[in-house]
Structures are given as C-alpha cells and as structure tokens.
Amino acid sequence: MEHNSPAAGLFGEARVGLGCMALTGLFGHVDRATAVRTIHRALELGVHHFDTAELYGPYANEELLAEALASRPDQSVVATKVGYKIIEGKIAGMDCRPEALRLAVEGSLRRLRRDRIDLVYQHRQDPVVPVEDAVGALDRLRAEGKIVRIGLSAVDSTTLARAAAVCPISAVQNQYSLLHREGAEDILSITATSSVAFVAFSPLARGLLSGTARSWLRLDGDDYRLSDERFAPERLAAMTNSATALQDIAASRRVPVAAVALSWLLSRSPNLAVIPGCKSPAQVDLAIEALQIALTAGERKLLEAIRPCLLADQRMPDPAELRT
C-alpha cells in the first residue's frame, strides 16, 4: 500500500516534504542564502514536495521558493495555501469568497513563477463562506488548468465530507505530533484507506520535539514563539518533562530526538506524510534521518504513553493568529 498511497504519490515513497514557513523569518531570521541552500539540500536528499503559503511573509515565502527552484522546476511538487485577506502586509481576517480565491491563486502563480500549482489548500475555513463554495471555486481553477489538486488545512471530518461531496480532495493538512493529537487522529483514521493524503504539519511541535525551542532565552527577538504562551519557561519545562520517553529512545539509539519523533508519525499510517519546518541544511539532514529508524512495538508503546501529558487546554495557536 505504501507505494500506491496518495501520500506517496504526492511526496514520494519517503513521505517527507519540506515545510518552508520558517525560511522567511517566522522562527527568527534566516538569511536568504541559507534559506536557498536549505531547499537545495532537500532536493539533494530526494525531497521534492515543498509547502508554502501566500500568508508566509506575506508573499515572501512563495517568492523565495520560486527563486530556489528556478533551476530545477521539474524536480519539485509545490503546495501553497490561500484564503486569508491581506491588506498592506497585514492579516485582516479570512476571505474565501470565490472571487478572492481566484485572485489569490493567480497571485501565487505569479510569485511561484509557474503555469500551474501542484496542490492548493484552503488555508483555514472561512466562517462566512461555506466550504462548498470555496472548494467549488478551486475546482473551477483546476478545470482551467491553474491548479492540479485541491486540499484543506486544519479541517474536521464533517467539513472534509462536505468538501469531498463537491469535488475530489487530494490532501488534508492538520497539525499532528506526539504533543498535539487533538482532532488529528480522527482525520487520520478517515484518510488511512481513502484517496486523501494526510499531511502532518508542525510534526515537531514547532521545535518542542527537536530541542530548538527548549530555551526561552535562545529564541530570537523576532521569533513568533515569544508571543505563544506555550513557550513560556514553565510550560517548556512541563513539555520537556512529558517527553522523557522520546529522549530516552533517542539516546539509546544514538539518533536525534527529532528523527525519532518523525519516525513515530510516519509509522502511524502509510498514507501519512510529514512537512517538518527546517531553517538550515543540517536540520534537513536530521529530518531525513527519521527514514532510517524502524521503531519497535515496545518503543511505539512508550511514545504513545506521552499522550496524557499533553496540556490539552493549551492549544498551540496558528502563527496567523499571533500576527493579526
């Protein structure tokens, strides 16, 4: 099934893509040369799926990705996300009206320097625009050849069913990691045997499972996580303590903690893919190391036990919510 799964079809057999959000400053400054090298390193290691959004920057992330892929346009699958209203560089709420989505996709096409986009997600559900209208608009753009596939991001099972009744949905992108499973596993069970790929974003809990966010004092002043109460010192300590099994397994295997966390996710379903956010070529190397790890049943059981330690009342907000 792994060879034929929708996730493998979009990402390749390894089912690992590159989340590009961090490359344009959301998690602290990344110089452009390093950002381009990060994308090129992913290509060198066989990663060909790149995830971006008009919101990231705004717009700068799509432009960066276009620059980095300019010399290798046929080696990549590009996914972007649309649906936010952006006024003078600021987020001004949602706008998933059909006419707004058309303008957004056409803008992404220009910035990405492509004739068509491989996968376009509705970034979030607009409370005043039915999902049927939104995906219907994207389906018309698909019929015109401007996009190839349609996806939904941060969606529940009811909304997915409503959208799928209008047109084929190729991928659902939800937050999913050892420390955040709320809602994701219901969708995962639906997609496990379907034609819809499940794409796990923030698979390392925005650095909590990789060690890059363990010290509040180490975060750059322009890192959005400074505005996220989950990264306050006492919360960081609680999260770190809750994941001791993860650290122990990584230590016993002499592999990075991040690689074990990603390996656990990939073991959940052959129809699941991950898009870790990397800020350097070295972080790409760590993500790919996950593919070499085959967790035992006992190790998976220990990792499963992390579940009760999640602070369920402290939902990790979307970066867009912190930039409004």
Protein backbone atom coordinates (compact mmCIF):
# COMPACT_ATOMS: atom_id res chain seq x y z
CA MET A 1 0.00 0.00 0.00
CA GLU A 2 2.85 2.39 0.72
CA HIS A 3 3.92 2.63 -2.91
CA ASN A 4 0.33 3.30 -4.01
CA SER A 5 -0.85 5.54 -1.19
CA PRO A 6 -1.94 9.10 -2.00
CA ALA A 7 0.73 10.40 0.37
CA ALA A 8 3.45 8.53 -1.54
CA GLY A 9 2.02 9.85 -4.78
CA LEU A 10 2.41 13.45 -3.61
CA PHE A 11 5.62 13.12 -1.62
CA GLY A 12 7.43 10.07 -2.93
CA GLU A 13 7.94 6.82 -1.08
CA ALA A 14 9.77 8.57 1.79
CA ARG A 15 6.66 10.67 2.57
CA VAL A 16 8.72 13.63 3.78
CA GLY A 17 8.35 17.15 2.43
CA LEU A 18 9.81 20.50 3.45
CA GLY A 19 7.66 23.00 5.30
CA CYS A 20 9.05 26.33 4.13
CA MET A 21 7.30 28.67 6.60
CA ALA A 22 10.35 29.09 8.83
CA LEU A 23 12.60 30.19 5.97
CA THR A 24 11.27 33.74 5.85
CA GLY A 25 11.64 34.76 9.46
CA LEU A 26 8.70 33.41 11.45
CA PHE A 27 11.02 31.47 13.77
CA GLY A 28 13.74 34.11 13.73
CA HIS A 29 15.92 35.50 10.96
CA VAL A 30 17.23 33.20 8.22
CA ASP A 31 19.48 34.81 5.64
CA ARG A 32 18.38 34.25 2.07
CA ALA A 33 21.46 32.30 1.04
CA THR A 34 20.92 29.82 3.88
CA ALA A 35 17.23 29.51 3.01
CA VAL A 36 18.06 28.70 -0.61
CA ARG A 37 20.72 26.19 0.45
CA THR A 38 18.15 24.53 2.73
CA ILE A 39 15.78 24.00 -0.17
CA HIS A 40 18.60 22.75 -2.39
CA ARG A 41 19.75 20.33 0.33
CA ALA A 42 16.24 18.91 0.50
CA LEU A 43 16.33 18.31 -3.26
CA GLU A 44 19.74 16.63 -2.98
CA LEU A 45 18.35 14.21 -0.38
CA GLY A 46 15.37 13.27 -2.52
CA VAL A 47 12.75 15.58 -1.03
CA HIS A 48 10.61 17.02 -3.79
CA HIS A 49 7.47 18.29 -2.01
CA PHE A 50 7.64 21.91 -0.81
CA ASP A 51 4.90 23.52 1.27
CA THR A 52 4.38 27.29 1.35
CA ALA A 53 1.52 29.84 1.56
CA GLU A 54 0.69 33.33 0.41
CA LEU A 55 0.39 34.23 4.11
CA TYR A 56 4.03 33.47 4.89
CA GLY A 57 5.80 36.76 4.60
CA PRO A 58 3.21 37.65 3.40
CA TYR A 59 4.18 36.58 -0.10
CA ALA A 60 7.95 36.44 0.56
CA ASN A 61 7.96 32.69 1.13
CA GLU A 62 6.46 31.89 -2.26
CA GLU A 63 8.98 34.23 -3.90
CA LEU A 64 11.87 32.56 -2.09
CA LEU A 65 10.70 29.12 -3.14
CA ALA A 66 10.41 30.25 -6.77
CA GLU A 67 13.98 31.55 -6.67
CA ALA A 68 15.37 28.37 -5.13
CA LEU A 69 13.56 26.08 -7.56
CA ALA A 70 14.15 28.18 -10.67
CA SER A 71 16.96 25.96 -11.95
CA ARG A 72 15.11 22.72 -11.13
CA PRO A 73 11.42 23.33 -11.87
CA ASP A 74 10.71 19.74 -12.89
CA GLN A 75 12.11 18.21 -9.69
CA SER A 76 9.50 19.60 -7.33
CA VAL A 77 5.88 19.42 -6.24
CA VAL A 78 4.75 22.77 -4.84
CA ALA A 79 1.84 23.18 -2.44
CA THR A 80 0.55 26.56 -1.34
CA LYS A 81 -2.34 27.78 0.77
CA VAL A 82 -4.84 30.59 0.18
CA GLY A 83 -7.84 32.12 1.92
CA TYR A 84 -6.59 34.94 4.15
CA LYS A 85 -7.30 38.60 3.50
CA ILE A 86 -4.02 40.53 3.44
CA ILE A 87 -4.10 44.33 3.45
CA GLU A 88 -0.85 46.32 3.32
CA GLY A 89 1.10 43.32 4.55
CA LYS A 90 -1.21 42.66 7.50
CA ILE A 91 -3.66 39.82 8.09
CA ALA A 92 -7.21 41.20 8.04
CA GLY A 93 -9.22 38.03 8.57
CA MET A 94 -10.41 35.33 6.19
CA ASP A 95 -11.64 35.80 2.64
CA CYS A 96 -12.62 32.59 0.87
CA ARG A 97 -15.16 34.11 -1.47
CA PRO A 98 -14.76 32.54 -4.92
CA GLU A 99 -13.57 35.81 -6.46
CA ALA A 100 -10.99 36.29 -3.70
CA LEU A 101 -9.66 32.75 -4.06
CA ARG A 102 -9.24 33.27 -7.80
CA LEU A 103 -7.20 36.42 -7.22
CA ALA A 104 -5.15 34.65 -4.54
CA VAL A 105 -4.32 31.68 -6.77
CA GLU A 106 -3.41 33.95 -9.66
CA GLY A 107 -1.12 35.89 -7.31
CA SER A 108 0.53 32.69 -6.13
CA LEU A 109 1.06 31.59 -9.73
CA ARG A 110 2.93 34.84 -10.45
CA ARG A 111 5.08 34.65 -7.32
CA LEU A 112 5.87 30.96 -7.79
CA ARG A 113 6.62 31.55 -11.49
CA ARG A 114 4.55 28.57 -12.52
CA ASP A 115 1.89 27.88 -15.12
CA ARG A 116 0.01 25.77 -12.62
CA ILE A 117 0.30 24.86 -8.93
CA ASP A 118 0.51 21.19 -7.97
CA LEU A 119 -1.61 21.47 -4.80
CA VAL A 120 -3.64 24.37 -3.41
CA TYR A 121 -5.12 24.20 0.09
CA GLN A 122 -7.86 26.33 1.57
CA HIS A 123 -5.67 27.59 4.41
CA ARG A 124 -8.44 27.82 7.01
CA GLN A 125 -12.21 27.59 6.98
CA ASP A 126 -13.94 30.94 6.48
CA PRO A 127 -16.80 31.27 8.98
CA VAL A 128 -18.94 33.19 6.49
CA VAL A 129 -18.19 31.28 3.28
CA PRO A 130 -19.44 27.67 3.06
CA VAL A 131 -16.67 25.21 2.30
CA GLU A 132 -18.70 24.03 -0.69
CA ASP A 133 -18.37 27.48 -2.27
CA ALA A 134 -14.64 27.65 -1.54
CA VAL A 135 -13.69 24.27 -2.97
CA GLY A 136 -16.09 24.80 -5.84
CA ALA A 137 -14.08 27.89 -6.77
CA LEU A 138 -10.83 25.95 -6.52
CA ASP A 139 -12.32 23.19 -8.64
CA ARG A 140 -13.12 25.67 -11.38
CA LEU A 141 -9.48 26.83 -11.28
CA ARG A 142 -8.46 23.18 -11.52
CA ALA A 143 -10.65 22.75 -14.60
CA GLU A 144 -8.91 25.77 -16.12
CA GLY A 145 -5.52 24.13 -15.57
CA LYS A 146 -4.29 26.64 -12.99
CA ILE A 147 -4.06 24.08 -10.20
CA VAL A 148 -3.70 20.30 -10.23
CA ARG A 149 -5.04 19.18 -6.85
CA ILE A 150 -7.16 20.64 -4.06
CA GLY A 151 -6.53 20.33 -0.32
CA LEU A 152 -7.88 21.51 3.03
CA SER A 153 -5.87 22.69 6.02
CA ALA A 154 -6.86 22.47 9.71
CA VAL A 155 -10.14 20.75 8.93
CA ASP A 156 -12.53 18.48 10.80
CA SER A 157 -14.19 15.34 9.48
CA THR A 158 -17.56 17.00 8.85
CA THR A 159 -16.03 19.77 6.76
CA LEU A 160 -13.94 17.25 4.84
CA ALA A 161 -17.06 15.24 3.98
CA ARG A 162 -18.89 18.37 2.80
CA ALA A 163 -15.97 19.42 0.61
CA ALA A 164 -15.48 15.93 -0.83
CA ALA A 165 -19.11 15.90 -1.93
CA VAL A 166 -18.33 18.83 -4.25
CA CYS A 167 -15.00 17.77 -5.76
CA PRO A 168 -12.10 15.38 -5.15
CA ILE A 169 -9.91 16.40 -2.19
CA SER A 170 -6.34 15.19 -2.57
CA ALA A 171 -4.86 16.13 0.82
CA VAL A 172 -5.75 17.25 4.32
CA GLN A 173 -3.11 19.14 6.26
CA ASN A 174 -3.60 19.10 10.04
CA GLN A 175 -1.36 19.75 13.00
CA TYR A 176 -0.12 16.41 14.34
CA SER A 177 2.76 15.44 16.59
CA LEU A 178 3.48 13.46 19.73
CA LEU A 179 2.46 16.52 21.73
CA HIS A 180 -0.55 17.53 19.66
CA ARG A 181 -3.04 14.89 18.58
CA GLU A 182 -6.40 16.55 19.27
CA GLY A 183 -8.64 16.10 16.24
CA ALA A 184 -5.85 14.81 14.02
CA GLU A 185 -6.29 11.11 14.70
CA ASP A 186 -9.98 11.18 13.71
CA ILE A 187 -8.99 12.57 10.32
CA LEU A 188 -6.09 10.14 10.08
CA SER A 189 -8.45 7.19 10.53
CA ILE A 190 -10.68 8.52 7.73
CA THR A 191 -7.80 9.04 5.31
CA ALA A 192 -5.99 5.78 6.14
CA THR A 193 -7.85 3.83 3.46
CA SER A 194 -9.05 6.70 1.28
CA SER A 195 -7.78 8.67 -1.71
CA VAL A 196 -6.98 11.64 0.55
CA ALA A 197 -3.41 12.03 1.83
CA PHE A 198 -2.92 13.11 5.44
CA VAL A 199 -0.18 15.73 5.79
CA ALA A 200 1.12 16.40 9.31
CA PHE A 201 2.22 19.99 9.82
CA SER A 202 4.23 21.08 12.86
CA PRO A 203 5.30 17.42 13.30
CA LEU A 204 7.96 18.53 15.80
CA ALA A 205 5.54 20.77 17.74
CA ARG A 206 7.28 23.90 16.48
CA GLY A 207 10.60 22.95 17.98
CA LEU A 208 9.41 21.38 21.24
CA LEU A 209 10.32 17.91 19.96
CA SER A 210 13.59 18.87 18.33
CA GLY A 211 15.27 20.84 21.09
CA THR A 212 15.30 24.11 19.15
CA ALA A 213 12.68 25.68 21.40
CA ARG A 214 13.70 24.29 24.78
CA SER A 215 15.26 27.53 26.00
CA TRP A 216 13.13 30.66 26.06
CA LEU A 217 16.29 32.75 26.21
CA ARG A 218 17.63 31.18 22.98
CA LEU A 219 14.68 32.32 20.87
CA ASP A 220 15.38 35.27 18.58
CA GLY A 221 13.56 38.51 19.33
CA ASP A 222 11.55 38.23 16.11
CA ASP A 223 10.57 34.60 16.73
CA TYR A 224 6.78 34.38 16.86
CA ARG A 225 7.02 31.76 19.61
CA LEU A 226 7.80 34.57 22.05
CA SER A 227 4.11 35.51 21.67
CA ASP A 228 2.95 31.94 22.30
CA GLU A 229 2.26 31.16 25.96
CA ARG A 230 3.13 27.50 25.37
CA PHE A 231 6.76 28.57 25.09
CA ALA A 232 6.90 30.37 28.43
CA PRO A 233 9.70 28.91 30.59
CA GLU A 234 7.45 26.92 32.92
CA ARG A 235 5.50 25.43 30.02
CA LEU A 236 8.70 24.50 28.20
CA ALA A 237 9.83 22.61 31.28
CA ALA A 238 6.49 20.77 31.52
CA MET A 239 6.59 19.77 27.86
CA THR A 240 10.21 18.62 28.07
CA ASN A 241 9.45 16.52 31.14
CA SER A 242 6.42 14.96 29.47
CA ALA A 243 8.57 13.67 26.60
CA THR A 244 11.28 11.83 28.56
CA ALA A 245 10.43 8.55 26.78
CA LEU A 246 11.22 10.21 23.47
CA GLN A 247 14.54 11.46 24.76
CA ASP A 248 15.41 8.06 26.26
CA ILE A 249 14.70 6.22 23.00
CA ALA A 250 16.78 8.71 21.02
CA ALA A 251 19.66 8.39 23.48
CA SER A 252 19.59 4.58 23.43
CA ARG A 253 19.65 4.56 19.64
CA ARG A 254 22.16 7.42 19.44
CA VAL A 255 19.96 9.31 16.99
CA PRO A 256 18.44 12.82 17.14
CA VAL A 257 15.25 13.27 19.14
CA ALA A 258 13.62 14.89 16.10
CA ALA A 259 14.28 11.80 13.98
CA VAL A 260 12.51 9.55 16.50
CA ALA A 261 9.51 11.89 16.70
CA LEU A 262 9.16 11.94 12.91
CA SER A 263 9.64 8.20 12.66
CA TRP A 264 6.76 7.69 15.09
CA LEU A 265 4.48 9.82 12.94
CA LEU A 266 5.45 8.01 9.73
CA SER A 267 4.66 4.70 11.43
CA ARG A 268 1.09 5.79 12.07
CA SER A 269 -0.10 5.20 8.51
CA PRO A 270 1.41 4.60 5.07
CA ASN A 271 -0.97 7.34 3.89
CA LEU A 272 0.62 9.97 6.16
CA ALA A 273 3.33 12.44 5.15
CA VAL A 274 5.22 14.99 7.24
CA ILE A 275 6.39 18.50 6.42
CA PRO A 276 8.92 19.48 9.12
CA GLY A 277 9.97 23.10 9.05
CA CYS A 278 13.72 23.44 8.63
CA LYS A 279 15.88 26.57 8.87
CA SER A 280 19.16 25.08 7.68
CA PRO A 281 20.59 22.24 5.58
CA ALA A 282 21.64 20.49 8.81
CA GLN A 283 18.03 20.38 10.00
CA VAL A 284 17.02 18.81 6.69
CA ASP A 285 19.62 16.10 7.32
CA LEU A 286 18.08 15.41 10.75
CA ALA A 287 14.60 15.08 9.25
CA ILE A 288 15.77 12.61 6.63
CA GLU A 289 17.48 10.53 9.32
CA ALA A 290 13.99 9.58 10.51
CA LEU A 291 13.65 7.38 7.44
CA GLN A 292 16.41 5.10 8.72
CA ILE A 293 14.62 4.37 12.01
CA ALA A 294 12.21 1.45 12.44
CA LEU A 295 10.67 1.73 15.88
CA THR A 296 9.88 -1.44 17.80
CA ALA A 297 6.40 -2.15 19.14
CA GLY A 298 7.72 -1.50 22.64
CA GLU A 299 9.15 1.87 21.66
CA ARG A 300 5.91 2.89 20.00
CA LYS A 301 4.02 1.94 23.15
CA LEU A 302 6.30 4.14 25.26
CA LEU A 303 5.80 7.04 22.89
CA GLU A 304 2.04 6.52 22.94
CA ALA A 305 2.12 6.99 26.71
CA ILE A 306 3.20 10.61 26.20
CA ARG A 307 -0.42 11.36 25.27
CA PRO A 308 -1.74 12.00 28.84
CA CYS A 309 0.97 14.60 29.37
CA LEU A 310 -0.32 16.95 26.67
CA LEU A 311 -1.68 20.16 28.16
CA ALA A 312 -4.97 19.82 26.32
CA ASP A 313 -6.28 23.20 27.46
CA GLN A 314 -3.32 24.99 25.91
CA ARG A 315 -3.95 24.73 22.19
CA MET A 316 -0.96 25.71 20.12
CA PRO A 317 -2.22 28.66 18.05
CA ASP A 318 -1.64 29.10 14.37
CA PRO A 319 1.06 31.69 13.61
CA ALA A 320 -1.54 33.75 11.77
CA GLU A 321 -3.46 34.21 14.98
CA LEU A 322 -0.40 35.77 16.57
CA ARG A 323 0.29 38.17 13.71
CA THR A 324 -3.12 39.81 13.47
